[in-house]
PDB file of all heavy atoms in Angstrom:
ATOM      1  N   LYS A   1      -6.445  10.671  -2.791  1.00  0.00           N
ATOM      2  CA  LYS A   1      -5.574  11.765  -2.099  1.00  0.00           C
ATOM      3  C   LYS A   1      -6.418  12.469  -1.169  1.00  0.00           C
ATOM      4  O   LYS A   1      -7.545  12.989  -1.589  1.00  0.00           O
ATOM      5  CB  LYS A   1      -4.710  12.640  -3.101  1.00  0.00           C
ATOM      6  CG  LYS A   1      -3.898  11.822  -4.071  1.00  0.00           C
ATOM      7  CD  LYS A   1      -3.035  12.714  -4.956  1.00  0.00           C
ATOM      8  CE  LYS A   1      -2.209  11.938  -5.832  1.00  0.00           C
ATOM      9  NZ  LYS A   1      -1.400  13.007  -6.748  1.00  0.00           N
ATOM     10  N   PHE A   2      -5.935  12.803   0.015  1.00  0.00           N
ATOM     11  CA  PHE A   2      -6.777  13.494   1.067  1.00  0.00           C
ATOM     12  C   PHE A   2      -5.857  14.426   1.826  1.00  0.00           C
ATOM     13  O   PHE A   2      -4.676  14.503   1.749  1.00  0.00           O
ATOM     14  CB  PHE A   2      -7.292  12.372   2.066  1.00  0.00           C
ATOM     15  CG  PHE A   2      -8.095  11.312   1.302  1.00  0.00           C
ATOM     16  CD1 PHE A   2      -7.418  10.109   1.088  1.00  0.00           C
ATOM     17  CD2 PHE A   2      -9.431  11.438   0.984  1.00  0.00           C
ATOM     18  CE1 PHE A   2      -8.064   9.096   0.454  1.00  0.00           C
ATOM     19  CE2 PHE A   2     -10.048  10.428   0.292  1.00  0.00           C
ATOM     20  CZ  PHE A   2      -9.511   9.269   0.002  1.00  0.00           C
ATOM     21  N   PHE A   3      -6.645  15.356   2.568  1.00  0.00           N
ATOM     22  CA  PHE A   3      -5.994  16.311   3.399  1.00  0.00           C
ATOM     23  C   PHE A   3      -4.969  17.142   2.470  1.00  0.00           C
ATOM     24  O   PHE A   3      -3.713  17.267   2.780  1.00  0.00           O
ATOM     25  CB  PHE A   3      -5.236  15.722   4.690  1.00  0.00           C
ATOM     26  CG  PHE A   3      -6.143  14.887   5.461  1.00  0.00           C
ATOM     27  CD1 PHE A   3      -5.844  13.543   5.443  1.00  0.00           C
ATOM     28  CD2 PHE A   3      -7.104  15.497   6.228  1.00  0.00           C
ATOM     29  CE1 PHE A   3      -6.650  12.795   6.240  1.00  0.00           C
ATOM     30  CE2 PHE A   3      -8.035  14.687   6.893  1.00  0.00           C
ATOM     31  CZ  PHE A   3      -7.830  13.316   7.078  1.00  0.00           C
ATOM     32  N   GLN A   4      -5.545  17.881   1.582  1.00  0.00           N
ATOM     33  CA  GLN A   4      -4.742  18.689   0.600  1.00  0.00           C
ATOM     34  C   GLN A   4      -3.717  17.973  -0.055  1.00  0.00           C
ATOM     35  O   GLN A   4      -2.602  18.394  -0.211  1.00  0.00           O
ATOM     36  CB  GLN A   4      -4.352  19.915   1.327  1.00  0.00           C
ATOM     37  CG  GLN A   4      -5.447  20.904   1.863  1.00  0.00           C
ATOM     38  CD  GLN A   4      -4.943  22.255   2.309  1.00  0.00           C
ATOM     39  OE1 GLN A   4      -3.858  22.268   2.665  1.00  0.00           O
ATOM     40  NE2 GLN A   4      -5.781  23.236   2.361  1.00  0.00           N
ATOM     41  N   GLN A   5      -3.962  16.655  -0.299  1.00  0.00           N
ATOM     42  CA  GLN A   5      -3.098  15.667  -1.103  1.00  0.00           C
ATOM     43  C   GLN A   5      -1.910  15.398  -0.307  1.00  0.00           C
ATOM     44  O   GLN A   5      -0.823  14.916  -0.840  1.00  0.00           O
ATOM     45  CB  GLN A   5      -2.760  16.493  -2.551  1.00  0.00           C
ATOM     46  CG  GLN A   5      -4.035  16.600  -3.361  1.00  0.00           C
ATOM     47  CD  GLN A   5      -3.516  16.871  -4.843  1.00  0.00           C
ATOM     48  OE1 GLN A   5      -2.560  16.785  -5.239  1.00  0.00           O
ATOM     49  NE2 GLN A   5      -4.614  17.502  -5.496  1.00  0.00           N
ATOM     50  N   ARG A   6      -1.766  15.639   1.004  1.00  0.00           N
ATOM     51  CA  ARG A   6      -0.554  15.286   1.746  1.00  0.00           C
ATOM     52  C   ARG A   6      -0.778  13.787   2.106  1.00  0.00           C
ATOM     53  O   ARG A   6       0.423  13.226   2.428  1.00  0.00           O
ATOM     54  CB  ARG A   6      -0.612  16.152   3.016  1.00  0.00           C
ATOM     55  CG  ARG A   6      -0.325  17.659   2.793  1.00  0.00           C
ATOM     56  CD  ARG A   6      -0.080  18.377   4.103  1.00  0.00           C
ATOM     57  NE  ARG A   6       1.011  17.914   4.740  1.00  0.00           N
ATOM     58  CZ  ARG A   6       1.411  18.305   6.018  1.00  0.00           C
ATOM     59  NH1 ARG A   6       0.622  19.212   6.728  1.00  0.00           N
ATOM     60  NH2 ARG A   6       2.451  17.840   6.710  1.00  0.00           N
ATOM     61  N   ALA A   7      -1.943  13.252   2.043  1.00  0.00           N
ATOM     62  CA  ALA A   7      -1.983  11.686   2.253  1.00  0.00           C
ATOM     63  C   ALA A   7      -2.506  11.126   1.032  1.00  0.00           C
ATOM     64  O   ALA A   7      -3.535  11.529   0.502  1.00  0.00           O
ATOM     65  CB  ALA A   7      -2.980  11.614   3.423  1.00  0.00           C
ATOM     66  N   GLU A   8      -1.746  10.070   0.572  1.00  0.00           N
ATOM     67  CA  GLU A   8      -2.072   9.396  -0.608  1.00  0.00           C
ATOM     68  C   GLU A   8      -2.154   7.778  -0.406  1.00  0.00           C
ATOM     69  O   GLU A   8      -1.310   7.245   0.437  1.00  0.00           O
ATOM     70  CB  GLU A   8      -1.017   9.603  -1.755  1.00  0.00           C
ATOM     71  CG  GLU A   8      -0.816  10.992  -2.116  1.00  0.00           C
ATOM     72  CD  GLU A   8       0.422  11.201  -2.984  1.00  0.00           C
ATOM     73  OE1 GLU A   8       0.462  10.307  -4.076  1.00  0.00           O
ATOM     74  OE2 GLU A   8       1.121  12.010  -2.769  1.00  0.00           O
ATOM     75  N   PHE A   9      -3.134   7.204  -0.932  1.00  0.00           N
ATOM     76  CA  PHE A   9      -3.241   5.763  -0.619  1.00  0.00           C
ATOM     77  C   PHE A   9      -3.388   4.889  -1.961  1.00  0.00           C
ATOM     78  O   PHE A   9      -4.223   5.394  -2.824  1.00  0.00           O
ATOM     79  CB  PHE A   9      -4.542   5.661   0.189  1.00  0.00           C
ATOM     80  CG  PHE A   9      -4.456   6.330   1.503  1.00  0.00           C
ATOM     81  CD1 PHE A   9      -5.172   7.559   1.502  1.00  0.00           C
ATOM     82  CD2 PHE A   9      -3.804   6.039   2.512  1.00  0.00           C
ATOM     83  CE1 PHE A   9      -5.155   8.326   2.634  1.00  0.00           C
ATOM     84  CE2 PHE A   9      -3.879   6.706   3.633  1.00  0.00           C
ATOM     85  CZ  PHE A   9      -4.403   7.914   3.729  1.00  0.00           C
ATOM     86  N   TYR A  10      -2.592   3.785  -2.014  1.00  0.00           N
ATOM     87  CA  TYR A  10      -2.665   3.048  -3.295  1.00  0.00           C
ATOM     88  C   TYR A  10      -2.989   1.602  -2.913  1.00  0.00           C
ATOM     89  O   TYR A  10      -2.499   1.162  -1.869  1.00  0.00           O
ATOM     90  CB  TYR A  10      -1.334   2.981  -3.919  1.00  0.00           C
ATOM     91  CG  TYR A  10      -0.751   4.481  -4.423  1.00  0.00           C
ATOM     92  CD1 TYR A  10      -0.306   5.334  -3.454  1.00  0.00           C
ATOM     93  CD2 TYR A  10      -0.927   4.752  -5.674  1.00  0.00           C
ATOM     94  CE1 TYR A  10       0.133   6.527  -3.879  1.00  0.00           C
ATOM     95  CE2 TYR A  10      -0.417   6.032  -6.088  1.00  0.00           C
ATOM     96  CZ  TYR A  10       0.115   6.890  -5.257  1.00  0.00           C
ATOM     97  OH  TYR A  10       0.473   8.257  -5.559  1.00  0.00           O
ATOM     98  N   ILE A  11      -3.885   0.943  -3.683  1.00  0.00           N
ATOM     99  CA  ILE A  11      -4.276  -0.385  -3.438  1.00  0.00           C
ATOM    100  C   ILE A  11      -3.957  -1.320  -4.612  1.00  0.00           C
ATOM    101  O   ILE A  11      -4.402  -0.932  -5.663  1.00  0.00           O
ATOM    102  CB  ILE A  11      -5.720  -0.447  -3.083  1.00  0.00           C
ATOM    103  CG1 ILE A  11      -6.084   0.328  -1.840  1.00  0.00           C
ATOM    104  CG2 ILE A  11      -6.172  -1.900  -2.768  1.00  0.00           C
ATOM    105  CD1 ILE A  11      -7.498   0.407  -1.490  1.00  0.00           C
ATOM    106  N   ILE A  12      -3.174  -2.233  -4.400  1.00  0.00           N
ATOM    107  CA  ILE A  12      -2.712  -3.191  -5.469  1.00  0.00           C
ATOM    108  C   ILE A  12      -3.394  -4.561  -5.338  1.00  0.00           C
ATOM    109  O   ILE A  12      -3.069  -5.258  -4.266  1.00  0.00           O
ATOM    110  CB  ILE A  12      -1.253  -3.396  -5.502  1.00  0.00           C
ATOM    111  CG1 ILE A  12      -0.476  -2.002  -5.541  1.00  0.00           C
ATOM    112  CG2 ILE A  12      -0.715  -4.353  -6.655  1.00  0.00           C
ATOM    113  CD1 ILE A  12       1.055  -2.072  -5.307  1.00  0.00           C
ATOM    114  N   GLU A  13      -4.332  -4.889  -5.982  1.00  0.00           N
ATOM    115  CA  GLU A  13      -5.106  -6.152  -6.025  1.00  0.00           C
ATOM    116  C   GLU A  13      -4.328  -7.206  -6.788  1.00  0.00           C
ATOM    117  O   GLU A  13      -3.651  -7.044  -7.701  1.00  0.00           O
ATOM    118  CB  GLU A  13      -6.455  -5.925  -6.517  1.00  0.00           C
ATOM    119  CG  GLU A  13      -7.350  -4.934  -5.993  1.00  0.00           C
ATOM    120  CD  GLU A  13      -7.893  -5.430  -4.559  1.00  0.00           C
ATOM    121  OE1 GLU A  13      -7.614  -6.451  -4.070  1.00  0.00           O
ATOM    122  OE2 GLU A  13      -8.491  -4.472  -3.868  1.00  0.00           O
ATOM    123  N   ASN A  14      -4.425  -8.409  -6.035  1.00  0.00           N
ATOM    124  CA  ASN A  14      -3.761  -9.672  -6.646  1.00  0.00           C
ATOM    125  C   ASN A  14      -2.290  -9.370  -7.096  1.00  0.00           C
ATOM    126  O   ASN A  14      -1.951  -9.701  -8.224  1.00  0.00           O
ATOM    127  CB  ASN A  14      -4.626 -10.101  -7.820  1.00  0.00           C
ATOM    128  CG  ASN A  14      -5.975 -10.496  -7.498  1.00  0.00           C
ATOM    129  OD1 ASN A  14      -6.240 -11.023  -6.458  1.00  0.00           O
ATOM    130  ND2 ASN A  14      -6.912 -10.187  -8.336  1.00  0.00           N
ATOM    131  N   PRO A  15      -1.447  -8.949  -6.147  1.00  0.00           N
ATOM    132  CA  PRO A  15       0.020  -8.730  -6.420  1.00  0.00           C
ATOM    133  C   PRO A  15       0.635 -10.202  -6.584  1.00  0.00           C
ATOM    134  O   PRO A  15       0.169 -11.124  -6.034  1.00  0.00           O
ATOM    135  CB  PRO A  15       0.564  -8.007  -5.423  1.00  0.00           C
ATOM    136  CG  PRO A  15      -0.342  -8.488  -4.253  1.00  0.00           C
ATOM    137  CD  PRO A  15      -1.788  -8.502  -4.839  1.00  0.00           C
ATOM    138  N   ASN A  16       1.547 -10.274  -7.401  1.00  0.00           N
ATOM    139  CA  ASN A  16       2.364 -11.540  -7.673  1.00  0.00           C
ATOM    140  C   ASN A  16       3.390 -11.771  -6.543  1.00  0.00           C
ATOM    141  O   ASN A  16       4.558 -11.796  -6.855  1.00  0.00           O
ATOM    142  CB  ASN A  16       2.971 -11.572  -8.975  1.00  0.00           C
ATOM    143  CG  ASN A  16       3.360 -12.916  -9.387  1.00  0.00           C
ATOM    144  OD1 ASN A  16       2.888 -13.982  -8.915  1.00  0.00           O
ATOM    145  ND2 ASN A  16       4.309 -13.005 -10.369  1.00  0.00           N
ATOM    146  N   LYS A  17       2.860 -11.832  -5.255  1.00  0.00           N
ATOM    147  CA  LYS A  17       3.694 -11.968  -4.245  1.00  0.00           C
ATOM    148  C   LYS A  17       3.284 -13.031  -3.251  1.00  0.00           C
ATOM    149  O   LYS A  17       2.030 -13.341  -3.092  1.00  0.00           O
ATOM    150  CB  LYS A  17       3.786 -10.636  -3.489  1.00  0.00           C
ATOM    151  CG  LYS A  17       4.366  -9.425  -4.313  1.00  0.00           C
ATOM    152  CD  LYS A  17       5.792  -9.507  -4.385  1.00  0.00           C
ATOM    153  CE  LYS A  17       6.322  -8.420  -5.173  1.00  0.00           C
ATOM    154  NZ  LYS A  17       7.781  -8.503  -5.569  1.00  0.00           N
ATOM    155  N   THR A  18       4.347 -13.380  -2.209  1.00  0.00           N
ATOM    156  CA  THR A  18       3.917 -14.254  -1.216  1.00  0.00           C
ATOM    157  C   THR A  18       4.810 -13.687  -0.105  1.00  0.00           C
ATOM    158  O   THR A  18       5.821 -13.106  -0.193  1.00  0.00           O
ATOM    159  CB  THR A  18       4.267 -15.710  -1.416  1.00  0.00           C
ATOM    160  OG1 THR A  18       5.733 -15.889  -1.606  1.00  0.00           O
ATOM    161  CG2 THR A  18       3.640 -16.259  -2.582  1.00  0.00           C
ATOM    162  N   ILE A  19       4.346 -13.978   1.131  1.00  0.00           N
ATOM    163  CA  ILE A  19       5.076 -13.804   2.403  1.00  0.00           C
ATOM    164  C   ILE A  19       5.062 -15.097   3.176  1.00  0.00           C
ATOM    165  O   ILE A  19       3.990 -15.756   3.448  1.00  0.00           O
ATOM    166  CB  ILE A  19       4.517 -12.631   3.277  1.00  0.00           C
ATOM    167  CG1 ILE A  19       4.465 -11.316   2.400  1.00  0.00           C
ATOM    168  CG2 ILE A  19       5.234 -12.477   4.599  1.00  0.00           C
ATOM    169  CD1 ILE A  19       3.871 -10.123   3.265  1.00  0.00           C
ATOM    170  N   TYR A  20       6.290 -15.590   3.422  1.00  0.00           N
ATOM    171  CA  TYR A  20       6.458 -16.824   4.080  1.00  0.00           C
ATOM    172  C   TYR A  20       5.667 -18.014   3.277  1.00  0.00           C
ATOM    173  O   TYR A  20       5.095 -18.831   3.830  1.00  0.00           O
ATOM    174  CB  TYR A  20       6.063 -16.843   5.513  1.00  0.00           C
ATOM    175  CG  TYR A  20       6.879 -16.020   6.439  1.00  0.00           C
ATOM    176  CD1 TYR A  20       6.417 -14.770   6.924  1.00  0.00           C
ATOM    177  CD2 TYR A  20       8.187 -16.327   6.702  1.00  0.00           C
ATOM    178  CE1 TYR A  20       7.235 -13.981   7.617  1.00  0.00           C
ATOM    179  CE2 TYR A  20       9.042 -15.607   7.469  1.00  0.00           C
ATOM    180  CZ  TYR A  20       8.510 -14.316   7.982  1.00  0.00           C
ATOM    181  OH  TYR A  20       9.223 -13.534   8.845  1.00  0.00           O
ATOM    182  N   ASN A  21       5.663 -17.828   1.963  1.00  0.00           N
ATOM    183  CA  ASN A  21       5.219 -18.778   1.074  1.00  0.00           C
ATOM    184  C   ASN A  21       3.652 -18.717   1.071  1.00  0.00           C
ATOM    185  O   ASN A  21       2.998 -19.601   0.430  1.00  0.00           O
ATOM    186  CB  ASN A  21       5.672 -20.191   1.342  1.00  0.00           C
ATOM    187  CG  ASN A  21       7.073 -20.333   1.172  1.00  0.00           C
ATOM    188  OD1 ASN A  21       7.756 -19.937   0.058  1.00  0.00           O
ATOM    189  ND2 ASN A  21       7.864 -21.035   1.999  1.00  0.00           N
ATOM    190  N   HIS A  22       2.990 -17.823   1.652  1.00  0.00           N
ATOM    191  CA  HIS A  22       1.679 -17.515   1.630  1.00  0.00           C
ATOM    192  C   HIS A  22       1.093 -16.511   0.650  1.00  0.00           C
ATOM    193  O   HIS A  22       1.730 -15.346   0.717  1.00  0.00           O
ATOM    194  CB  HIS A  22       1.107 -17.378   3.086  1.00  0.00           C
ATOM    195  CG  HIS A  22       1.224 -18.490   4.029  1.00  0.00           C
ATOM    196  ND1 HIS A  22       0.639 -19.661   3.890  1.00  0.00           N
ATOM    197  CD2 HIS A  22       1.999 -18.559   5.115  1.00  0.00           C
ATOM    198  CE1 HIS A  22       0.984 -20.399   4.877  1.00  0.00           C
ATOM    199  NE2 HIS A  22       1.809 -19.744   5.676  1.00  0.00           N
ATOM    200  N   PRO A  23       0.208 -16.646  -0.128  1.00  0.00           N
ATOM    201  CA  PRO A  23      -0.136 -15.652  -1.127  1.00  0.00           C
ATOM    202  C   PRO A  23      -0.705 -14.414  -0.513  1.00  0.00           C
ATOM    203  O   PRO A  23      -1.362 -14.364   0.413  1.00  0.00           O
ATOM    204  CB  PRO A  23      -1.272 -16.384  -2.029  1.00  0.00           C
ATOM    205  CG  PRO A  23      -1.083 -17.839  -1.814  1.00  0.00           C
ATOM    206  CD  PRO A  23      -0.573 -17.900  -0.329  1.00  0.00           C
ATOM    207  N   VAL A  24      -0.241 -13.278  -1.156  1.00  0.00           N
ATOM    208  CA  VAL A  24      -0.850 -11.891  -0.832  1.00  0.00           C
ATOM    209  C   VAL A  24      -2.019 -11.628  -1.720  1.00  0.00           C
ATOM    210  O   VAL A  24      -1.959 -11.650  -2.786  1.00  0.00           O
ATOM    211  CB  VAL A  24       0.305 -10.935  -1.036  1.00  0.00           C
ATOM    212  CG1 VAL A  24      -0.222  -9.514  -0.634  1.00  0.00           C
ATOM    213  CG2 VAL A  24       1.537 -11.150  -0.127  1.00  0.00           C
ATOM    214  N   LYS A  25      -3.116 -11.310  -1.032  1.00  0.00           N
ATOM    215  CA  LYS A  25      -4.348 -10.841  -1.856  1.00  0.00           C
ATOM    216  C   LYS A  25      -4.356  -9.454  -2.227  1.00  0.00           C
ATOM    217  O   LYS A  25      -4.851  -9.141  -3.317  1.00  0.00           O
ATOM    218  CB  LYS A  25      -5.551 -11.158  -0.847  1.00  0.00           C
ATOM    219  CG  LYS A  25      -5.688 -12.689  -0.474  1.00  0.00           C
ATOM    220  CD  LYS A  25      -6.730 -12.750   0.654  1.00  0.00           C
ATOM    221  CE  LYS A  25      -8.011 -12.429   0.170  1.00  0.00           C
ATOM    222  NZ  LYS A  25      -9.000 -12.655   1.399  1.00  0.00           N
ATOM    223  N   SER A  26      -3.816  -8.573  -1.375  1.00  0.00           N
ATOM    224  CA  SER A  26      -3.799  -7.222  -1.838  1.00  0.00           C
ATOM    225  C   SER A  26      -2.686  -6.451  -0.992  1.00  0.00           C
ATOM    226  O   SER A  26      -2.279  -6.997   0.065  1.00  0.00           O
ATOM    227  CB  SER A  26      -5.095  -6.398  -1.619  1.00  0.00           C
ATOM    228  OG  SER A  26      -5.451  -6.366  -0.278  1.00  0.00           O
ATOM    229  N   ILE A  27      -2.146  -5.238  -1.648  1.00  0.00           N
ATOM    230  CA  ILE A  27      -1.233  -4.495  -0.664  1.00  0.00           C
ATOM    231  C   ILE A  27      -1.810  -3.114  -0.786  1.00  0.00           C
ATOM    232  O   ILE A  27      -2.052  -2.510  -1.848  1.00  0.00           O
ATOM    233  CB  ILE A  27       0.087  -4.525  -1.362  1.00  0.00           C
ATOM    234  CG1 ILE A  27       0.645  -5.931  -1.626  1.00  0.00           C
ATOM    235  CG2 ILE A  27       1.185  -3.628  -0.577  1.00  0.00           C
ATOM    236  CD1 ILE A  27       1.920  -6.073  -2.406  1.00  0.00           C
ATOM    237  N   THR A  28      -1.800  -2.429   0.423  1.00  0.00           N
ATOM    238  CA  THR A  28      -2.262  -1.046   0.608  1.00  0.00           C
ATOM    239  C   THR A  28      -1.041  -0.269   0.959  1.00  0.00           C
ATOM    240  O   THR A  28      -0.286  -0.495   1.906  1.00  0.00           O
ATOM    241  CB  THR A  28      -3.339  -0.807   1.443  1.00  0.00           C
ATOM    242  OG1 THR A  28      -4.461  -1.525   1.224  1.00  0.00           O
ATOM    243  CG2 THR A  28      -3.853   0.659   1.572  1.00  0.00           C
ATOM    244  N   LEU A  29      -0.762   0.847   0.117  1.00  0.00           N
ATOM    245  CA  LEU A  29       0.450   1.697   0.405  1.00  0.00           C
ATOM    246  C   LEU A  29      -0.111   3.084   0.952  1.00  0.00           C
ATOM    247  O   LEU A  29      -0.873   3.637   0.339  1.00  0.00           O
ATOM    248  CB  LEU A  29       1.259   1.814  -0.799  1.00  0.00           C
ATOM    249  CG  LEU A  29       1.754   0.552  -1.463  1.00  0.00           C
ATOM    250  CD1 LEU A  29       2.599   0.923  -2.805  1.00  0.00           C
ATOM    251  CD2 LEU A  29       2.732  -0.254  -0.576  1.00  0.00           C
ATOM    252  N   TYR A  30       0.520   3.527   2.032  1.00  0.00           N
ATOM    253  CA  TYR A  30       0.142   4.659   2.684  1.00  0.00           C
ATOM    254  C   TYR A  30       1.373   5.793   2.458  1.00  0.00           C
ATOM    255  O   TYR A  30       2.412   5.533   3.056  1.00  0.00           O
ATOM    256  CB  TYR A  30      -0.142   4.536   4.204  1.00  0.00           C
ATOM    257  CG  TYR A  30      -1.110   3.540   4.414  1.00  0.00           C
ATOM    258  CD1 TYR A  30      -0.978   2.104   4.285  1.00  0.00           C
ATOM    259  CD2 TYR A  30      -2.448   3.884   4.765  1.00  0.00           C
ATOM    260  CE1 TYR A  30      -1.876   1.248   4.626  1.00  0.00           C
ATOM    261  CE2 TYR A  30      -3.470   2.933   5.207  1.00  0.00           C
ATOM    262  CZ  TYR A  30      -3.169   1.599   4.917  1.00  0.00           C
ATOM    263  OH  TYR A  30      -4.092   0.739   5.343  1.00  0.00           O
ATOM    264  N   PHE A  31       1.101   6.852   1.704  1.00  0.00           N
ATOM    265  CA  PHE A  31       2.031   7.857   1.499  1.00  0.00           C
ATOM    266  C   PHE A  31       1.766   9.128   2.333  1.00  0.00           C
ATOM    267  O   PHE A  31       0.557   9.580   2.329  1.00  0.00           O
ATOM    268  CB  PHE A  31       2.182   8.238   0.019  1.00  0.00           C
ATOM    269  CG  PHE A  31       2.920   7.331  -0.782  1.00  0.00           C
ATOM    270  CD1 PHE A  31       2.497   6.179  -1.258  1.00  0.00           C
ATOM    271  CD2 PHE A  31       4.321   7.604  -1.073  1.00  0.00           C
ATOM    272  CE1 PHE A  31       3.132   5.228  -1.974  1.00  0.00           C
ATOM    273  CE2 PHE A  31       5.070   6.622  -1.855  1.00  0.00           C
ATOM    274  CZ  PHE A  31       4.494   5.477  -2.318  1.00  0.00           C
ATOM    275  N   LEU A  32       2.594   9.596   3.198  1.00  0.00           N
ATOM    276  CA  LEU A  32       2.436  10.990   3.810  1.00  0.00           C
ATOM    277  C   LEU A  32       3.498  11.881   3.251  1.00  0.00           C
ATOM    278  O   LEU A  32       4.760  11.667   3.386  1.00  0.00           O
ATOM    279  CB  LEU A  32       2.594  10.808   5.357  1.00  0.00           C
ATOM    280  CG  LEU A  32       1.538   9.790   5.925  1.00  0.00           C
ATOM    281  CD1 LEU A  32       1.765   9.860   7.440  1.00  0.00           C
ATOM    282  CD2 LEU A  32       0.172  10.158   5.613  1.00  0.00           C
ATOM    283  N   ASP A  33       3.168  13.018   2.723  1.00  0.00           N
ATOM    284  CA  ASP A  33       4.027  14.102   2.164  1.00  0.00           C
ATOM    285  C   ASP A  33       5.057  13.382   1.218  1.00  0.00           C
ATOM    286  O   ASP A  33       6.151  13.685   1.271  1.00  0.00           O
ATOM    287  CB  ASP A  33       4.769  14.710   3.200  1.00  0.00           C
ATOM    288  CG  ASP A  33       3.752  15.588   4.137  1.00  0.00           C
ATOM    289  OD1 ASP A  33       2.784  16.067   3.561  1.00  0.00           O
ATOM    290  OD2 ASP A  33       4.095  15.831   5.348  1.00  0.00           O
ATOM    291  N   GLY A  34       4.463  12.545   0.415  1.00  0.00           N
ATOM    292  CA  GLY A  34       5.338  11.933  -0.641  1.00  0.00           C
ATOM    293  C   GLY A  34       6.209  10.799  -0.257  1.00  0.00           C
ATOM    294  O   GLY A  34       6.978  10.270  -1.072  1.00  0.00           O
ATOM    295  N   THR A  35       6.149  10.435   1.013  1.00  0.00           N
ATOM    296  CA  THR A  35       6.981   9.301   1.462  1.00  0.00           C
ATOM    297  C   THR A  35       6.166   8.009   1.805  1.00  0.00           C
ATOM    298  O   THR A  35       5.167   8.158   2.669  1.00  0.00           O
ATOM    299  CB  THR A  35       7.745   9.794   2.706  1.00  0.00           C
ATOM    300  OG1 THR A  35       8.496  10.954   2.406  1.00  0.00           O
ATOM    301  CG2 THR A  35       8.713   8.735   3.383  1.00  0.00           C
ATOM    302  N   LEU A  36       6.666   6.965   1.412  1.00  0.00           N
ATOM    303  CA  LEU A  36       5.834   5.647   1.781  1.00  0.00           C
ATOM    304  C   LEU A  36       6.128   5.442   3.265  1.00  0.00           C
ATOM    305  O   LEU A  36       7.212   5.271   3.714  1.00  0.00           O
ATOM    306  CB  LEU A  36       6.564   4.579   1.063  1.00  0.00           C
ATOM    307  CG  LEU A  36       5.883   3.204   1.402  1.00  0.00           C
ATOM    308  CD1 LEU A  36       4.362   3.251   1.057  1.00  0.00           C
ATOM    309  CD2 LEU A  36       6.475   2.093   0.463  1.00  0.00           C
ATOM    310  N   SER A  37       5.093   5.492   3.987  1.00  0.00           N
ATOM    311  CA  SER A  37       5.172   5.478   5.411  1.00  0.00           C
ATOM    312  C   SER A  37       4.433   4.276   6.137  1.00  0.00           C
ATOM    313  O   SER A  37       4.876   4.049   7.289  1.00  0.00           O
ATOM    314  CB  SER A  37       4.370   6.743   6.147  1.00  0.00           C
ATOM    315  OG  SER A  37       5.083   7.906   5.656  1.00  0.00           O
ATOM    316  N   LYS A  38       3.722   3.640   5.397  1.00  0.00           N
ATOM    317  CA  LYS A  38       3.086   2.370   6.025  1.00  0.00           C
ATOM    318  C   LYS A  38       2.668   1.505   4.752  1.00  0.00           C
ATOM    319  O   LYS A  38       2.226   1.920   3.756  1.00  0.00           O
ATOM    320  CB  LYS A  38       1.867   2.726   6.718  1.00  0.00           C
ATOM    321  CG  LYS A  38       1.130   1.665   7.283  1.00  0.00           C
ATOM    322  CD  LYS A  38      -0.033   2.167   8.243  1.00  0.00           C
ATOM    323  CE  LYS A  38      -0.913   1.092   8.874  1.00  0.00           C
ATOM    324  NZ  LYS A  38      -2.097   1.679   9.761  1.00  0.00           N
ATOM    325  N   THR A  39       2.737   0.100   4.900  1.00  0.00           N
ATOM    326  CA  THR A  39       2.315  -0.909   3.977  1.00  0.00           C
ATOM    327  C   THR A  39       1.472  -1.804   4.821  1.00  0.00           C
ATOM    328  O   THR A  39       1.736  -2.265   5.915  1.00  0.00           O
ATOM    329  CB  THR A  39       3.337  -1.680   3.348  1.00  0.00           C
ATOM    330  OG1 THR A  39       4.292  -2.310   4.213  1.00  0.00           O
ATOM    331  CG2 THR A  39       4.310  -0.650   2.491  1.00  0.00           C
ATOM    332  N   LYS A  40       0.280  -2.276   4.123  1.00  0.00           N
ATOM    333  CA  LYS A  40      -0.554  -3.365   4.647  1.00  0.00           C
ATOM    334  C   LYS A  40      -0.768  -4.398   3.680  1.00  0.00           C
ATOM    335  O   LYS A  40      -1.157  -4.100   2.539  1.00  0.00           O
ATOM    336  CB  LYS A  40      -1.896  -2.782   5.077  1.00  0.00           C
ATOM    337  CG  LYS A  40      -2.748  -3.964   5.839  1.00  0.00           C
ATOM    338  CD  LYS A  40      -4.071  -3.315   6.179  1.00  0.00           C
ATOM    339  CE  LYS A  40      -4.965  -3.011   4.907  1.00  0.00           C
ATOM    340  NZ  LYS A  40      -6.401  -2.605   5.312  1.00  0.00           N
ATOM    341  N   TYR A  41      -0.397  -5.642   3.923  1.00  0.00           N
ATOM    342  CA  TYR A  41      -0.500  -6.907   3.090  1.00  0.00           C
ATOM    343  C   TYR A  41      -1.730  -7.569   3.657  1.00  0.00           C
ATOM    344  O   TYR A  41      -1.667  -8.018   4.847  1.00  0.00           O
ATOM    345  CB  TYR A  41       0.634  -7.695   3.137  1.00  0.00           C
ATOM    346  CG  TYR A  41       1.902  -7.061   2.614  1.00  0.00           C
ATOM    347  CD1 TYR A  41       2.698  -6.224   3.365  1.00  0.00           C
ATOM    348  CD2 TYR A  41       2.353  -7.420   1.408  1.00  0.00           C
ATOM    349  CE1 TYR A  41       3.924  -5.625   2.950  1.00  0.00           C
ATOM    350  CE2 TYR A  41       3.611  -6.864   0.784  1.00  0.00           C
ATOM    351  CZ  TYR A  41       4.325  -5.931   1.643  1.00  0.00           C
ATOM    352  OH  TYR A  41       5.477  -5.340   1.200  1.00  0.00           O
TER     353      TYR A  41
END
């Protein structure tokens, strides 16, 4: 958590997911002020 905890980042390694049938290696979730604002697969 950064910037007085207004920005939070979560990293999920080896999620049991695919996108267009291709495996996902990790997912990064970006929260700003408690709201999920960005995802990176």
